[in-house]
Every structure is written in structure tokens, then in C-alpha cells.
Amino acid sequence: MKLKLNIDSKPLEVEIDDVVVGLLAVRLGLPAGADNQDAIARYLSDKGAPWTLDEEHMRRRIMRRLILDIADPALVIRHLMADD
């Protein structure tokens, strides 16, 4: 999924795998099967602030944040079992 984030009024485009987006949606309590793109973009924009250095640094920061947010093994198992 391609997301356009706005961190400190600066645009940043990131691409995130759909499985990762699904795991984050579960973590955030967003409705399953809905278009959660805007809600996830807002969340990552807020968590990515403040803007530091360059775009590549900010993309890495967002990816690290994603890892921390979805690193719950129970969450991963619950999400994968829901697809069966």
C-alpha cells in the first residue's frame, strides 16, 4: 500500500506491505475489511514527527515504528488465523 504522510507539513511517500498494514490496523483497532488508508497515514504521520534529516531517514524511522507497533506475537497469530 502506498501512503502519503505529512510530517511537520512535509510530504513523505512510503510503501508498506499489505500484511503489515493489516497488522497495524488490528493493533489500532480499525475495522477489518474497511479502507483504513487515511487513518493509518494519520497515525504514522503523528508518530513520525518531528521531521529530522532527510526523506530516507524519515522512511527508516517510520519502518522502525511499524516494527515496534506490530511486534506482538499474539497479534500476528490472531491476524494470520483470521485469514483462514
C-alpha atoms as a PDB file:
ATOM      1  CA  MET A   1       0.000   0.000   0.000  1.00  0.00           C
ATOM      2  CA  LYS A   2       1.331   3.416  -0.904  1.00  0.00           C
ATOM      3  CA  LEU A   3       0.765   6.052   1.749  1.00  0.00           C
ATOM      4  CA  LYS A   4       1.331   9.770   1.619  1.00  0.00           C
ATOM      5  CA  LEU A   5       2.284  11.024   5.066  1.00  0.00           C
ATOM      6  CA  ASN A   6       2.539  14.628   6.218  1.00  0.00           C
ATOM      7  CA  ILE A   7       5.142  15.066   8.916  1.00  0.00           C
ATOM      8  CA  ASP A   8       5.574  18.630  10.146  1.00  0.00           C
ATOM      9  CA  SER A   9       3.819  19.817   6.957  1.00  0.00           C
ATOM     10  CA  LYS A  10       6.327  17.969   4.757  1.00  0.00           C
ATOM     11  CA  PRO A  11       5.044  15.218   2.444  1.00  0.00           C
ATOM     12  CA  LEU A  12       6.610  11.780   2.611  1.00  0.00           C
ATOM     13  CA  GLU A  13       5.569   8.851   0.432  1.00  0.00           C
ATOM     14  CA  VAL A  14       6.092   5.363   1.802  1.00  0.00           C
ATOM     15  CA  GLU A  15       5.123   1.920   0.557  1.00  0.00           C
ATOM     16  CA  ILE A  16       4.140  -0.686   3.108  1.00  0.00           C
ATOM     17  CA  ASP A  17       3.260  -4.343   2.534  1.00  0.00           C
ATOM     18  CA  ASP A  18      -0.461  -5.115   2.872  1.00  0.00           C
ATOM     19  CA  VAL A  19       0.149  -7.707   5.596  1.00  0.00           C
ATOM     20  CA  VAL A  20       1.996  -5.120   7.682  1.00  0.00           C
ATOM     21  CA  VAL A  21      -0.826  -2.625   7.108  1.00  0.00           C
ATOM     22  CA  GLY A  22      -3.322  -5.291   8.213  1.00  0.00           C
ATOM     23  CA  LEU A  23      -1.372  -5.990  11.390  1.00  0.00           C
ATOM     24  CA  LEU A  24      -1.179  -2.287  12.197  1.00  0.00           C
ATOM     25  CA  ALA A  25      -4.924  -1.914  11.581  1.00  0.00           C
ATOM     26  CA  VAL A  26      -5.601  -4.723  14.078  1.00  0.00           C
ATOM     27  CA  ARG A  27      -3.262  -3.096  16.601  1.00  0.00           C
ATOM     28  CA  LEU A  28      -5.062   0.246  16.184  1.00  0.00           C
ATOM     29  CA  GLY A  29      -8.489  -1.382  16.456  1.00  0.00           C
ATOM     30  CA  LEU A  30      -9.557  -0.283  12.978  1.00  0.00           C
ATOM     31  CA  PRO A  31     -12.463  -2.104  11.294  1.00  0.00           C
ATOM     32  CA  ALA A  32     -11.463  -5.180   9.310  1.00  0.00           C
ATOM     33  CA  GLY A  33     -12.072  -5.021   5.581  1.00  0.00           C
ATOM     34  CA  ALA A  34     -12.539  -1.248   5.582  1.00  0.00           C
ATOM     35  CA  ASP A  35     -10.371   1.266   3.753  1.00  0.00           C
ATOM     36  CA  ASN A  36      -8.103   2.306   6.605  1.00  0.00           C
ATOM     37  CA  GLN A  37      -5.538   4.084   4.443  1.00  0.00           C
ATOM     38  CA  ASP A  38      -6.306   7.590   5.751  1.00  0.00           C
ATOM     39  CA  ALA A  39      -6.374   6.511   9.404  1.00  0.00           C
ATOM     40  CA  ILE A  40      -3.054   4.676   9.069  1.00  0.00           C
ATOM     41  CA  ALA A  41      -1.462   7.607   7.229  1.00  0.00           C
ATOM     42  CA  ARG A  42      -2.579   9.991  10.002  1.00  0.00           C
ATOM     43  CA  TYR A  43      -1.279   7.656  12.699  1.00  0.00           C
ATOM     44  CA  LEU A  44       2.127   7.228  11.061  1.00  0.00           C
ATOM     45  CA  SER A  45       2.364  10.956  10.334  1.00  0.00           C
ATOM     46  CA  ASP A  46       1.787  11.714  14.021  1.00  0.00           C
ATOM     47  CA  LYS A  47       4.201   9.034  15.219  1.00  0.00           C
ATOM     48  CA  GLY A  48       6.876  10.048  12.697  1.00  0.00           C
ATOM     49  CA  ALA A  49       7.177  13.610  13.963  1.00  0.00           C
ATOM     50  CA  PRO A  50       9.358  15.585  14.298  1.00  0.00           C
ATOM     51  CA  TRP A  51      10.946  15.730  10.856  1.00  0.00           C
ATOM     52  CA  THR A  52      14.697  15.279  11.064  1.00  0.00           C
ATOM     53  CA  LEU A  53      17.392  14.950   8.430  1.00  0.00           C
ATOM     54  CA  ASP A  54      16.162  13.752   5.013  1.00  0.00           C
ATOM     55  CA  GLU A  55      13.381  11.660   3.449  1.00  0.00           C
ATOM     56  CA  GLU A  56      15.322   8.402   3.605  1.00  0.00           C
ATOM     57  CA  HIS A  57      15.955   8.850   7.332  1.00  0.00           C
ATOM     58  CA  MET A  58      12.259   9.516   7.850  1.00  0.00           C
ATOM     59  CA  ARG A  59      11.262   6.387   5.890  1.00  0.00           C
ATOM     60  CA  ARG A  60      13.551   4.306   8.112  1.00  0.00           C
ATOM     61  CA  ARG A  61      12.040   5.937  11.205  1.00  0.00           C
ATOM     62  CA  ILE A  62       8.527   5.047  10.024  1.00  0.00           C
ATOM     63  CA  MET A  63       9.580   1.438   9.342  1.00  0.00           C
ATOM     64  CA  ARG A  64      11.131   1.123  12.810  1.00  0.00           C
ATOM     65  CA  ARG A  65       7.917   2.488  14.312  1.00  0.00           C
ATOM     66  CA  LEU A  66       5.900  -0.098  12.384  1.00  0.00           C
ATOM     67  CA  ILE A  67       8.078  -2.906  13.709  1.00  0.00           C
ATOM     68  CA  LEU A  68       7.600  -1.716  17.277  1.00  0.00           C
ATOM     69  CA  ASP A  69       3.849  -1.350  16.817  1.00  0.00           C
ATOM     70  CA  ILE A  70       3.252  -4.831  15.369  1.00  0.00           C
ATOM     71  CA  ALA A  71       5.911  -6.849  17.211  1.00  0.00           C
ATOM     72  CA  ASP A  72       3.311  -8.516  19.462  1.00  0.00           C
ATOM     73  CA  PRO A  73       3.382 -12.274  18.630  1.00  0.00           C
ATOM     74  CA  ALA A  74      -0.229 -12.770  19.781  1.00  0.00           C
ATOM     75  CA  LEU A  75      -1.341 -10.008  17.422  1.00  0.00           C
ATOM     76  CA  VAL A  76       0.486 -11.609  14.488  1.00  0.00           C
ATOM     77  CA  ILE A  77      -1.062 -15.022  15.179  1.00  0.00           C
ATOM     78  CA  ARG A  78      -4.565 -13.558  15.591  1.00  0.00           C
ATOM     79  CA  HIS A  79      -4.250 -11.680  12.278  1.00  0.00           C
ATOM     80  CA  LEU A  80      -2.943 -14.699  10.383  1.00  0.00           C
ATOM     81  CA  MET A  81      -5.614 -17.009  11.824  1.00  0.00           C
ATOM     82  CA  ALA A  82      -8.373 -14.561  10.794  1.00  0.00           C
ATOM     83  CA  ASP A  83      -7.421 -15.046   7.129  1.00  0.00           C
ATOM     84  CA  ASP A  84      -8.152 -18.787   7.275  1.00  0.00           C
END
